[in-house]
Amino acid sequence: MPLSATASAPASIGNVGVGFDILGLAFPAAHDVVTATRQEARGVRLAQVSGLLTHLPAEPHRNTALAAAQAVLQAAGSPFGVSLAIDKGVPLSAGMGGSAASAVAAAAAANALLDRPFTTDELLPFAIEGERASSDPPPWDNVIASLFGGLVLAASEQPPLIRRLPVPDGLVAILFHPSARIETREARALLGATVPLRVAVEHSRRVAAFVAGCATGDLALVKAGLEDLLVEPQRVHLLPCLPAVQRAAVEAGALGCSFSGSGPSVFALSEQRLAGRVEQAMGAAFAEAAMPVTRYRAPLGGHGVKVVAQDSGRVAA
């Protein structure tokens, strides 16, 4: 059995515009990398933190990586503990699934140390439990995307029914991360408990169009579906330049543009041949608003979590 294992999990685009809490898209332009090292003492401990951050909470109930690894070890009845080194490549409070990526990578790394590891499907509840440290109840969209890769649908939570959906060839996701932070808990607290029936019907129409368009490769349907009537209108004030960025993206040829997760990051889906023009237009709109941004781009259908290294050595006391 390996004494240490390293796993990498991608960022993700939660909701994918129209699929609030039910759709997630892996976004492998950024990753969190977690190394789990076996220790004789049971429990989970935080080792070094590197990358975009150098400090994270050391308590499992406040750290998604520690909580997820702890859930794996407890379910396996593990006689050993682990220390976790976390290399943060996905920013937190950015709408890029930063907390989910840490949870997924930690679950996979701890799992790789077991003599009878769980399957990837079986890691889902442990990663969800890790995400609970960030938001309770934990949203599934970022977790399932980071775990399984590609475009993923949570058709049911109880019992879990998770499916990867096909995506049209030649599409890319362009994402801009503004220099702002939006906590998931706070963004969810803004949402009303009810919506008018007409809004529910029109939003359902768009979810159906988007999923059908992805399944059939019909870009007209994808474009018709990429408009969030349910959540985005309640959050648009969090990023006042969003409407201008959306107009710029669509006028440049994007299929649609919306918040990534709870924001403040904004993503657009585009054909590869138009991606440069869309990215330039969105960048210009952010510049007009005097808002610094970090740019990312990745093709649709990216991979999920991967165990990238396993090493033998001496067990830490």
C-alpha atoms as a PDB file:
ATOM      1  CA  MET A   1       0.000   0.000   0.000  1.00  0.00           C
ATOM      2  CA  PRO A   2       1.318   3.496  -0.795  1.00  0.00           C
ATOM      3  CA  LEU A   3       2.265   5.714   2.099  1.00  0.00           C
ATOM      4  CA  SER A   4       1.403   8.901   0.235  1.00  0.00           C
ATOM      5  CA  ALA A   5      -0.820   9.707  -2.716  1.00  0.00           C
ATOM      6  CA  THR A   6      -1.470  12.862  -4.697  1.00  0.00           C
ATOM      7  CA  ALA A   7      -4.729  13.663  -6.473  1.00  0.00           C
ATOM      8  CA  SER A   8      -5.664  16.531  -8.782  1.00  0.00           C
ATOM      9  CA  ALA A   9      -9.236  17.825  -9.184  1.00  0.00           C
ATOM     10  CA  PRO A  10     -10.352  20.482 -11.681  1.00  0.00           C
ATOM     11  CA  ALA A  11     -12.219  23.704 -11.149  1.00  0.00           C
ATOM     12  CA  SER A  12     -15.841  23.727 -12.220  1.00  0.00           C
ATOM     13  CA  ILE A  13     -18.631  25.926 -13.507  1.00  0.00           C
ATOM     14  CA  GLY A  14     -21.596  25.417 -11.225  1.00  0.00           C
ATOM     15  CA  ASN A  15     -25.151  25.696 -12.569  1.00  0.00           C
ATOM     16  CA  VAL A  16     -23.811  26.202 -16.136  1.00  0.00           C
ATOM     17  CA  GLY A  17     -26.127  29.195 -16.324  1.00  0.00           C
ATOM     18  CA  VAL A  18     -29.534  27.557 -16.309  1.00  0.00           C
ATOM     19  CA  GLY A  19     -29.091  24.426 -14.178  1.00  0.00           C
ATOM     20  CA  PHE A  20     -29.125  25.795 -10.628  1.00  0.00           C
ATOM     21  CA  ASP A  21     -27.847  23.015  -8.332  1.00  0.00           C
ATOM     22  CA  ILE A  22     -28.412  20.324 -10.988  1.00  0.00           C
ATOM     23  CA  LEU A  23     -25.756  20.940 -13.679  1.00  0.00           C
ATOM     24  CA  GLY A  24     -22.005  21.203 -13.293  1.00  0.00           C
ATOM     25  CA  LEU A  25     -19.226  21.522 -15.864  1.00  0.00           C
ATOM     26  CA  ALA A  26     -15.626  20.500 -15.201  1.00  0.00           C
ATOM     27  CA  PHE A  27     -13.245  23.336 -16.037  1.00  0.00           C
ATOM     28  CA  PRO A  28      -9.691  21.962 -16.206  1.00  0.00           C
ATOM     29  CA  ALA A  29      -8.040  25.342 -16.758  1.00  0.00           C
ATOM     30  CA  ALA A  30      -7.252  25.267 -13.011  1.00  0.00           C
ATOM     31  CA  HIS A  31      -6.785  22.479 -10.458  1.00  0.00           C
ATOM     32  CA  ASP A  32      -6.386  21.827  -6.754  1.00  0.00           C
ATOM     33  CA  VAL A  33      -3.747  19.230  -5.891  1.00  0.00           C
ATOM     34  CA  VAL A  34      -3.850  17.408  -2.553  1.00  0.00           C
ATOM     35  CA  THR A  35      -1.212  15.015  -1.183  1.00  0.00           C
ATOM     36  CA  ALA A  36      -2.311  12.648   1.579  1.00  0.00           C
ATOM     37  CA  THR A  37       0.452  11.109   3.709  1.00  0.00           C
ATOM     38  CA  ARG A  38      -0.271   8.152   5.970  1.00  0.00           C
ATOM     39  CA  GLN A  39       0.328   8.662   9.689  1.00  0.00           C
ATOM     40  CA  GLU A  40       0.150   6.217  12.561  1.00  0.00           C
ATOM     41  CA  ALA A  41      -2.138   8.435  14.634  1.00  0.00           C
ATOM     42  CA  ARG A  42      -5.750   8.367  13.470  1.00  0.00           C
ATOM     43  CA  GLY A  43      -7.523  11.479  12.274  1.00  0.00           C
ATOM     44  CA  VAL A  44      -6.739  14.155   9.713  1.00  0.00           C
ATOM     45  CA  ARG A  45      -4.263  16.974   9.984  1.00  0.00           C
ATOM     46  CA  LEU A  46      -3.361  19.910   7.795  1.00  0.00           C
ATOM     47  CA  ALA A  47       0.215  20.122   6.520  1.00  0.00           C
ATOM     48  CA  GLN A  48       1.504  22.875   4.246  1.00  0.00           C
ATOM     49  CA  VAL A  49      -0.752  25.040   2.097  1.00  0.00           C
ATOM     50  CA  SER A  50       0.648  26.477  -1.121  1.00  0.00           C
ATOM     51  CA  GLY A  51      -0.399  28.015  -4.419  1.00  0.00           C
ATOM     52  CA  LEU A  52      -2.968  30.818  -4.446  1.00  0.00           C
ATOM     53  CA  LEU A  53      -3.260  30.574  -0.649  1.00  0.00           C
ATOM     54  CA  THR A  54      -0.813  29.875   2.145  1.00  0.00           C
ATOM     55  CA  HIS A  55      -3.308  29.472   4.983  1.00  0.00           C
ATOM     56  CA  LEU A  56      -6.485  27.440   5.409  1.00  0.00           C
ATOM     57  CA  PRO A  57      -8.459  26.434   8.523  1.00  0.00           C
ATOM     58  CA  ALA A  58      -6.987  23.445  10.358  1.00  0.00           C
ATOM     59  CA  GLU A  59     -10.352  22.195  11.685  1.00  0.00           C
ATOM     60  CA  PRO A  60     -12.211  19.596   9.555  1.00  0.00           C
ATOM     61  CA  HIS A  61     -15.581  21.313  10.009  1.00  0.00           C
ATOM     62  CA  ARG A  62     -14.103  24.456   8.401  1.00  0.00           C
ATOM     63  CA  ASN A  63     -11.880  22.860   5.748  1.00  0.00           C
ATOM     64  CA  THR A  64     -13.495  20.937   2.880  1.00  0.00           C
ATOM     65  CA  ALA A  65     -10.374  18.881   2.147  1.00  0.00           C
ATOM     66  CA  LEU A  66      -9.970  17.733   5.757  1.00  0.00           C
ATOM     67  CA  ALA A  67     -13.690  16.988   6.087  1.00  0.00           C
ATOM     68  CA  ALA A  68     -13.739  14.889   2.905  1.00  0.00           C
ATOM     69  CA  ALA A  69     -10.624  12.899   3.815  1.00  0.00           C
ATOM     70  CA  GLN A  70     -12.000  12.325   7.300  1.00  0.00           C
ATOM     71  CA  ALA A  71     -15.262  10.993   5.846  1.00  0.00           C
ATOM     72  CA  VAL A  72     -13.329   8.537   3.637  1.00  0.00           C
ATOM     73  CA  LEU A  73     -11.217   7.205   6.506  1.00  0.00           C
ATOM     74  CA  GLN A  74     -14.166   6.867   8.871  1.00  0.00           C
ATOM     75  CA  ALA A  75     -16.251   4.988   6.299  1.00  0.00           C
ATOM     76  CA  ALA A  76     -13.351   2.599   5.643  1.00  0.00           C
ATOM     77  CA  GLY A  77     -12.686   2.038   9.335  1.00  0.00           C
ATOM     78  CA  SER A  78      -9.093   3.027   8.666  1.00  0.00           C
ATOM     79  CA  PRO A  79      -6.546   2.165  11.397  1.00  0.00           C
ATOM     80  CA  PHE A  80      -4.327   5.069  10.330  1.00  0.00           C
ATOM     81  CA  GLY A  81      -4.645   8.810   9.855  1.00  0.00           C
ATOM     82  CA  VAL A  82      -3.435  11.235   7.197  1.00  0.00           C
ATOM     83  CA  SER A  83      -1.878  14.636   6.858  1.00  0.00           C
ATOM     84  CA  LEU A  84      -2.917  16.712   3.853  1.00  0.00           C
ATOM     85  CA  ALA A  85      -0.768  19.097   1.857  1.00  0.00           C
ATOM     86  CA  ILE A  86      -2.952  21.341  -0.306  1.00  0.00           C
ATOM     87  CA  ASP A  87      -1.775  23.189  -3.393  1.00  0.00           C
ATOM     88  CA  LYS A  88      -4.558  25.649  -4.245  1.00  0.00           C
ATOM     89  CA  GLY A  89      -4.815  26.356  -7.930  1.00  0.00           C
ATOM     90  CA  VAL A  90      -8.538  27.199  -7.829  1.00  0.00           C
ATOM     91  CA  PRO A  91      -9.424  30.471  -6.090  1.00  0.00           C
ATOM     92  CA  LEU A  92     -11.972  30.455  -3.276  1.00  0.00           C
ATOM     93  CA  SER A  93     -15.183  32.503  -3.264  1.00  0.00           C
ATOM     94  CA  ALA A  94     -14.763  32.926  -7.012  1.00  0.00           C
ATOM     95  CA  GLY A  95     -17.582  30.827  -8.452  1.00  0.00           C
ATOM     96  CA  MET A  96     -15.055  28.282  -9.756  1.00  0.00           C
ATOM     97  CA  GLY A  97     -15.739  25.417  -7.353  1.00  0.00           C
ATOM     98  CA  GLY A  98     -12.645  26.036  -5.240  1.00  0.00           C
ATOM     99  CA  SER A  99     -14.024  24.382  -2.122  1.00  0.00           C
ATOM    100  CA  ALA A 100     -15.366  21.415  -4.114  1.00  0.00           C
ATOM    101  CA  ALA A 101     -12.054  20.851  -5.906  1.00  0.00           C
ATOM    102  CA  SER A 102     -10.254  20.612  -2.560  1.00  0.00           C
ATOM    103  CA  ALA A 103     -12.853  18.196  -1.203  1.00  0.00           C
ATOM    104  CA  VAL A 104     -12.750  15.970  -4.277  1.00  0.00           C
ATOM    105  CA  ALA A 105      -8.954  15.894  -4.495  1.00  0.00           C
ATOM    106  CA  ALA A 106      -8.611  15.129  -0.780  1.00  0.00           C
ATOM    107  CA  ALA A 107     -11.185  12.325  -0.919  1.00  0.00           C
ATOM    108  CA  ALA A 108      -9.374  10.732  -3.859  1.00  0.00           C
ATOM    109  CA  ALA A 109      -5.922  11.107  -2.291  1.00  0.00           C
ATOM    110  CA  ALA A 110      -6.997   9.589   1.046  1.00  0.00           C
ATOM    111  CA  ASN A 111      -8.859   6.834  -0.778  1.00  0.00           C
ATOM    112  CA  ALA A 112      -5.710   5.870  -2.699  1.00  0.00           C
ATOM    113  CA  LEU A 113      -4.043   4.950   0.618  1.00  0.00           C
ATOM    114  CA  LEU A 114      -6.647   2.329   1.519  1.00  0.00           C
ATOM    115  CA  ASP A 115      -6.024  -1.375   1.018  1.00  0.00           C
ATOM    116  CA  ARG A 116      -9.524  -1.614  -0.495  1.00  0.00           C
ATOM    117  CA  PRO A 117     -10.209   1.749  -2.116  1.00  0.00           C
ATOM    118  CA  PHE A 118     -13.699   2.979  -2.914  1.00  0.00           C
ATOM    119  CA  THR A 119     -14.677   3.434  -6.556  1.00  0.00           C
ATOM    120  CA  THR A 120     -14.990   6.939  -7.975  1.00  0.00           C
ATOM    121  CA  ASP A 121     -18.786   6.660  -7.781  1.00  0.00           C
ATOM    122  CA  GLU A 122     -18.524   5.655  -4.125  1.00  0.00           C
ATOM    123  CA  LEU A 123     -16.463   8.765  -3.325  1.00  0.00           C
ATOM    124  CA  LEU A 124     -19.425  11.053  -4.029  1.00  0.00           C
ATOM    125  CA  PRO A 125     -20.943  11.138  -0.509  1.00  0.00           C
ATOM    126  CA  PHE A 126     -17.537  11.782   1.043  1.00  0.00           C
ATOM    127  CA  ALA A 127     -16.836  14.692  -1.280  1.00  0.00           C
ATOM    128  CA  ILE A 128     -20.327  16.054  -0.602  1.00  0.00           C
ATOM    129  CA  GLU A 129     -19.642  15.800   3.122  1.00  0.00           C
ATOM    130  CA  GLY A 130     -16.446  17.769   2.567  1.00  0.00           C
ATOM    131  CA  GLU A 131     -18.357  20.477   0.680  1.00  0.00           C
ATOM    132  CA  ARG A 132     -20.644  20.802   3.710  1.00  0.00           C
ATOM    133  CA  ALA A 133     -17.781  22.625   5.447  1.00  0.00           C
ATOM    134  CA  SER A 134     -18.218  25.404   2.886  1.00  0.00           C
ATOM    135  CA  SER A 135     -21.991  25.494   2.517  1.00  0.00           C
ATOM    136  CA  ASP A 136     -24.685  23.628   4.424  1.00  0.00           C
ATOM    137  CA  PRO A 137     -26.703  22.096   2.857  1.00  0.00           C
ATOM    138  CA  PRO A 138     -23.926  21.365   0.370  1.00  0.00           C
ATOM    139  CA  PRO A 139     -24.647  22.050  -3.318  1.00  0.00           C
ATOM    140  CA  TRP A 140     -23.827  19.116  -5.590  1.00  0.00           C
ATOM    141  CA  ASP A 141     -23.122  20.839  -8.919  1.00  0.00           C
ATOM    142  CA  ASN A 142     -19.453  21.712  -8.434  1.00  0.00           C
ATOM    143  CA  VAL A 143     -18.703  18.452  -6.629  1.00  0.00           C
ATOM    144  CA  ILE A 144     -20.074  16.167  -9.328  1.00  0.00           C
ATOM    145  CA  ALA A 145     -18.309  18.100 -12.086  1.00  0.00           C
ATOM    146  CA  SER A 146     -14.944  18.023 -10.327  1.00  0.00           C
ATOM    147  CA  LEU A 147     -15.340  14.342  -9.420  1.00  0.00           C
ATOM    148  CA  PHE A 148     -16.617  12.890 -12.698  1.00  0.00           C
ATOM    149  CA  GLY A 149     -15.514  15.449 -15.305  1.00  0.00           C
ATOM    150  CA  GLY A 150     -17.385  16.821 -18.300  1.00  0.00           C
ATOM    151  CA  LEU A 151     -20.945  18.124 -18.139  1.00  0.00           C
ATOM    152  CA  VAL A 152     -22.749  16.360 -15.310  1.00  0.00           C
ATOM    153  CA  LEU A 153     -26.414  16.190 -14.309  1.00  0.00           C
ATOM    154  CA  ALA A 154     -27.631  15.482 -10.781  1.00  0.00           C
ATOM    155  CA  ALA A 155     -30.950  13.886 -11.755  1.00  0.00           C
ATOM    156  CA  SER A 156     -31.648  12.864  -8.164  1.00  0.00           C
ATOM    157  CA  GLU A 157     -29.950  13.316  -4.806  1.00  0.00           C
ATOM    158  CA  GLN A 158     -31.918  10.704  -2.864  1.00  0.00           C
ATOM    159  CA  PRO A 159     -31.120   8.174  -4.131  1.00  0.00           C
ATOM    160  CA  PRO A 160     -28.175   9.619  -6.041  1.00  0.00           C
ATOM    161  CA  LEU A 161     -28.587   9.473  -9.819  1.00  0.00           C
ATOM    162  CA  ILE A 162     -25.666  11.216 -11.514  1.00  0.00           C
ATOM    163  CA  ARG A 163     -25.037  11.145 -15.255  1.00  0.00           C
ATOM    164  CA  ARG A 164     -22.438  12.665 -17.568  1.00  0.00           C
ATOM    165  CA  LEU A 165     -24.048  14.345 -20.549  1.00  0.00           C
ATOM    166  CA  PRO A 166     -22.550  14.622 -24.028  1.00  0.00           C
ATOM    167  CA  VAL A 167     -21.333  18.026 -25.168  1.00  0.00           C
ATOM    168  CA  PRO A 168     -21.120  19.320 -28.746  1.00  0.00           C
ATOM    169  CA  ASP A 169     -17.699  19.077 -30.374  1.00  0.00           C
ATOM    170  CA  GLY A 170     -15.632  22.208 -30.790  1.00  0.00           C
ATOM    171  CA  LEU A 171     -17.027  24.226 -27.864  1.00  0.00           C
ATOM    172  CA  VAL A 172     -14.895  25.989 -25.280  1.00  0.00           C
ATOM    173  CA  ALA A 173     -15.645  27.710 -21.998  1.00  0.00           C
ATOM    174  CA  ILE A 174     -14.150  31.159 -21.463  1.00  0.00           C
ATOM    175  CA  LEU A 175     -14.093  32.360 -17.867  1.00  0.00           C
ATOM    176  CA  PHE A 176     -13.178  35.703 -16.323  1.00  0.00           C
ATOM    177  CA  HIS A 177     -12.535  35.937 -12.594  1.00  0.00           C
ATOM    178  CA  PRO A 178     -12.942  39.548 -11.391  1.00  0.00           C
ATOM    179  CA  SER A 179     -11.078  40.857  -8.369  1.00  0.00           C
ATOM    180  CA  ALA A 180     -14.037  40.366  -6.037  1.00  0.00           C
ATOM    181  CA  ARG A 181     -15.256  37.706  -3.636  1.00  0.00           C
ATOM    182  CA  ILE A 182     -18.750  36.273  -3.229  1.00  0.00           C
ATOM    183  CA  GLU A 183     -19.314  33.695  -0.495  1.00  0.00           C
ATOM    184  CA  THR A 184     -21.600  30.849  -1.555  1.00  0.00           C
ATOM    185  CA  ARG A 185     -23.605  31.054   1.673  1.00  0.00           C
ATOM    186  CA  GLU A 186     -24.266  34.758   1.184  1.00  0.00           C
ATOM    187  CA  ALA A 187     -25.190  34.354  -2.485  1.00  0.00           C
ATOM    188  CA  ARG A 188     -27.681  31.591  -1.675  1.00  0.00           C
ATOM    189  CA  ALA A 189     -29.214  33.685   1.092  1.00  0.00           C
ATOM    190  CA  LEU A 190     -30.245  36.264  -1.523  1.00  0.00           C
ATOM    191  CA  LEU A 191     -32.561  33.853  -3.326  1.00  0.00           C
ATOM    192  CA  GLY A 192     -36.308  34.027  -2.845  1.00  0.00           C
ATOM    193  CA  ALA A 193     -38.269  30.925  -1.889  1.00  0.00           C
ATOM    194  CA  THR A 194     -40.842  31.339  -4.685  1.00  0.00           C
ATOM    195  CA  VAL A 195     -41.004  32.604  -8.267  1.00  0.00           C
ATOM    196  CA  PRO A 196     -43.975  33.432 -10.508  1.00  0.00           C
ATOM    197  CA  LEU A 197     -45.370  30.504 -12.467  1.00  0.00           C
ATOM    198  CA  ARG A 198     -44.521  32.143 -15.796  1.00  0.00           C
ATOM    199  CA  VAL A 199     -40.865  32.477 -14.780  1.00  0.00           C
ATOM    200  CA  ALA A 200     -40.795  28.815 -13.735  1.00  0.00           C
ATOM    201  CA  VAL A 201     -42.247  27.729 -17.079  1.00  0.00           C
ATOM    202  CA  GLU A 202     -39.878  29.862 -19.151  1.00  0.00           C
ATOM    203  CA  HIS A 203     -36.878  28.772 -17.135  1.00  0.00           C
ATOM    204  CA  SER A 204     -37.877  25.111 -17.505  1.00  0.00           C
ATOM    205  CA  ARG A 205     -38.068  25.700 -21.251  1.00  0.00           C
ATOM    206  CA  ARG A 206     -34.477  26.911 -21.247  1.00  0.00           C
ATOM    207  CA  VAL A 207     -33.135  24.049 -19.130  1.00  0.00           C
ATOM    208  CA  ALA A 208     -34.787  21.571 -21.494  1.00  0.00           C
ATOM    209  CA  ALA A 209     -33.403  23.367 -24.559  1.00  0.00           C
ATOM    210  CA  PHE A 210     -29.869  23.454 -23.163  1.00  0.00           C
ATOM    211  CA  VAL A 211     -29.770  19.776 -22.156  1.00  0.00           C
ATOM    212  CA  ALA A 212     -31.370  18.688 -25.435  1.00  0.00           C
ATOM    213  CA  GLY A 213     -28.951  20.832 -27.406  1.00  0.00           C
ATOM    214  CA  CYS A 214     -25.956  19.297 -25.649  1.00  0.00           C
ATOM    215  CA  ALA A 215     -27.314  15.773 -26.137  1.00  0.00           C
ATOM    216  CA  THR A 216     -27.979  16.253 -29.858  1.00  0.00           C
ATOM    217  CA  GLY A 217     -25.191  18.663 -30.772  1.00  0.00           C
ATOM    218  CA  ASP A 218     -27.743  21.294 -31.789  1.00  0.00           C
ATOM    219  CA  LEU A 219     -26.059  24.646 -31.088  1.00  0.00           C
ATOM    220  CA  ALA A 220     -29.265  26.557 -31.754  1.00  0.00           C
ATOM    221  CA  LEU A 221     -30.863  24.744 -28.817  1.00  0.00           C
ATOM    222  CA  VAL A 222     -27.786  25.307 -26.624  1.00  0.00           C
ATOM    223  CA  LYS A 223     -27.965  29.022 -27.389  1.00  0.00           C
ATOM    224  CA  ALA A 224     -31.716  29.166 -26.782  1.00  0.00           C
ATOM    225  CA  GLY A 225     -31.210  27.561 -23.363  1.00  0.00           C
ATOM    226  CA  LEU A 226     -28.302  29.600 -22.038  1.00  0.00           C
ATOM    227  CA  GLU A 227     -30.331  32.289 -20.291  1.00  0.00           C
ATOM    228  CA  ASP A 228     -30.839  32.136 -16.546  1.00  0.00           C
ATOM    229  CA  LEU A 229     -34.248  33.586 -15.649  1.00  0.00           C
ATOM    230  CA  LEU A 230     -34.366  32.004 -12.197  1.00  0.00           C
ATOM    231  CA  VAL A 231     -31.260  32.947 -10.205  1.00  0.00           C
ATOM    232  CA  GLU A 232     -29.206  35.490 -12.112  1.00  0.00           C
ATOM    233  CA  PRO A 233     -31.796  38.326 -11.858  1.00  0.00           C
ATOM    234  CA  GLN A 234     -31.600  38.008  -8.075  1.00  0.00           C
ATOM    235  CA  ARG A 235     -27.796  38.233  -8.033  1.00  0.00           C
ATOM    236  CA  VAL A 236     -26.933  40.610 -10.868  1.00  0.00           C
ATOM    237  CA  HIS A 237     -26.444  43.511  -8.447  1.00  0.00           C
ATOM    238  CA  LEU A 238     -23.417  41.670  -7.020  1.00  0.00           C
ATOM    239  CA  LEU A 239     -21.564  42.419 -10.277  1.00  0.00           C
ATOM    240  CA  PRO A 240     -23.052  45.567 -11.862  1.00  0.00           C
ATOM    241  CA  CYS A 241     -21.011  45.181 -15.068  1.00  0.00           C
ATOM    242  CA  LEU A 242     -22.459  41.709 -15.785  1.00  0.00           C
ATOM    243  CA  PRO A 243     -25.086  42.886 -18.342  1.00  0.00           C
ATOM    244  CA  ALA A 244     -22.423  44.759 -20.323  1.00  0.00           C
ATOM    245  CA  VAL A 245     -20.113  41.732 -20.296  1.00  0.00           C
ATOM    246  CA  GLN A 246     -22.964  39.493 -21.438  1.00  0.00           C
ATOM    247  CA  ARG A 247     -23.871  41.800 -24.312  1.00  0.00           C
ATOM    248  CA  ALA A 248     -20.264  41.950 -25.420  1.00  0.00           C
ATOM    249  CA  ALA A 249     -19.922  38.166 -25.341  1.00  0.00           C
ATOM    250  CA  VAL A 250     -23.106  37.479 -27.309  1.00  0.00           C
ATOM    251  CA  GLU A 251     -22.420  40.209 -29.876  1.00  0.00           C
ATOM    252  CA  ALA A 252     -18.998  38.623 -30.450  1.00  0.00           C
ATOM    253  CA  GLY A 253     -20.621  35.258 -31.155  1.00  0.00           C
ATOM    254  CA  ALA A 254     -20.901  33.486 -27.780  1.00  0.00           C
ATOM    255  CA  LEU A 255     -23.759  31.024 -27.359  1.00  0.00           C
ATOM    256  CA  GLY A 256     -24.464  32.487 -23.941  1.00  0.00           C
ATOM    257  CA  CYS A 257     -22.866  34.130 -20.920  1.00  0.00           C
ATOM    258  CA  SER A 258     -23.715  34.002 -17.218  1.00  0.00           C
ATOM    259  CA  PHE A 259     -22.360  33.802 -13.694  1.00  0.00           C
ATOM    260  CA  SER A 260     -20.200  30.793 -12.986  1.00  0.00           C
ATOM    261  CA  GLY A 261     -21.786  29.305  -9.885  1.00  0.00           C
ATOM    262  CA  SER A 262     -22.606  32.079  -7.456  1.00  0.00           C
ATOM    263  CA  GLY A 263     -20.065  34.408  -9.068  1.00  0.00           C
ATOM    264  CA  PRO A 264     -18.312  36.751  -9.303  1.00  0.00           C
ATOM    265  CA  SER A 265     -16.672  34.770 -12.127  1.00  0.00           C
ATOM    266  CA  VAL A 266     -18.447  35.000 -15.470  1.00  0.00           C
ATOM    267  CA  PHE A 267     -18.301  32.314 -18.153  1.00  0.00           C
ATOM    268  CA  ALA A 268     -19.285  32.144 -21.795  1.00  0.00           C
ATOM    269  CA  LEU A 269     -19.641  29.146 -24.109  1.00  0.00           C
ATOM    270  CA  SER A 270     -18.335  29.643 -27.615  1.00  0.00           C
ATOM    271  CA  GLU A 271     -17.345  27.777 -30.723  1.00  0.00           C
ATOM    272  CA  GLN A 272     -13.586  27.382 -30.864  1.00  0.00           C
ATOM    273  CA  ARG A 273     -13.318  29.491 -34.025  1.00  0.00           C
ATOM    274  CA  LEU A 274     -14.917  32.473 -32.261  1.00  0.00           C
ATOM    275  CA  ALA A 275     -13.339  32.024 -28.840  1.00  0.00           C
ATOM    276  CA  GLY A 276     -10.610  34.616 -29.317  1.00  0.00           C
ATOM    277  CA  ARG A 277     -13.089  37.268 -30.395  1.00  0.00           C
ATOM    278  CA  VAL A 278     -15.449  36.465 -27.507  1.00  0.00           C
ATOM    279  CA  GLU A 279     -12.634  36.584 -24.984  1.00  0.00           C
ATOM    280  CA  GLN A 280     -11.410  39.920 -26.320  1.00  0.00           C
ATOM    281  CA  ALA A 281     -14.909  41.418 -26.178  1.00  0.00           C
ATOM    282  CA  MET A 282     -15.506  40.264 -22.612  1.00  0.00           C
ATOM    283  CA  GLY A 283     -12.114  41.567 -21.544  1.00  0.00           C
ATOM    284  CA  ALA A 284     -12.878  44.947 -23.050  1.00  0.00           C
ATOM    285  CA  ALA A 285     -16.192  45.126 -21.162  1.00  0.00           C
ATOM    286  CA  PHE A 286     -14.470  44.379 -17.860  1.00  0.00           C
ATOM    287  CA  ALA A 287     -11.789  46.960 -18.674  1.00  0.00           C
ATOM    288  CA  GLU A 288     -14.504  49.536 -19.393  1.00  0.00           C
ATOM    289  CA  ALA A 289     -15.821  48.849 -15.893  1.00  0.00           C
ATOM    290  CA  ALA A 290     -12.288  49.304 -14.491  1.00  0.00           C
ATOM    291  CA  MET A 291     -12.376  45.795 -13.003  1.00  0.00           C
ATOM    292  CA  PRO A 292      -9.162  43.722 -12.995  1.00  0.00           C
ATOM    293  CA  VAL A 293      -9.719  40.112 -14.068  1.00  0.00           C
ATOM    294  CA  THR A 294      -7.931  36.803 -14.499  1.00  0.00           C
ATOM    295  CA  ARG A 295      -8.728  34.946 -17.727  1.00  0.00           C
ATOM    296  CA  TYR A 296      -9.140  31.199 -18.201  1.00  0.00           C
ATOM    297  CA  ARG A 297     -10.158  29.026 -21.157  1.00  0.00           C
ATOM    298  CA  ALA A 298     -10.757  25.280 -21.511  1.00  0.00           C
ATOM    299  CA  PRO A 299     -12.556  22.922 -23.916  1.00  0.00           C
ATOM    300  CA  LEU A 300     -15.803  21.336 -22.794  1.00  0.00           C
ATOM    301  CA  GLY A 301     -15.715  17.715 -21.698  1.00  0.00           C
ATOM    302  CA  GLY A 302     -12.614  17.908 -19.491  1.00  0.00           C
ATOM    303  CA  HIS A 303     -11.532  15.200 -17.087  1.00  0.00           C
ATOM    304  CA  GLY A 304     -12.504  14.798 -13.450  1.00  0.00           C
ATOM    305  CA  VAL A 305     -10.350  13.872 -10.456  1.00  0.00           C
ATOM    306  CA  LYS A 306      -7.129  11.930 -11.062  1.00  0.00           C
ATOM    307  CA  VAL A 307      -4.654  10.223  -8.756  1.00  0.00           C
ATOM    308  CA  VAL A 308      -1.406  11.530 -10.207  1.00  0.00           C
ATOM    309  CA  ALA A 309       1.223  10.042  -7.863  1.00  0.00           C
ATOM    310  CA  GLN A 310       1.692   7.337  -5.242  1.00  0.00           C
ATOM    311  CA  ASP A 311       4.853   6.894  -3.191  1.00  0.00           C
ATOM    312  CA  SER A 312       6.268   4.478  -0.643  1.00  0.00           C
ATOM    313  CA  GLY A 313       8.277   5.553   2.345  1.00  0.00           C
ATOM    314  CA  ARG A 314       8.351   5.622   6.122  1.00  0.00           C
ATOM    315  CA  VAL A 315       5.104   6.053   8.043  1.00  0.00           C
ATOM    316  CA  ALA A 316       5.008   9.357   9.916  1.00  0.00           C
ATOM    317  CA  ALA A 317       4.510   9.136  13.660  1.00  0.00           C
END
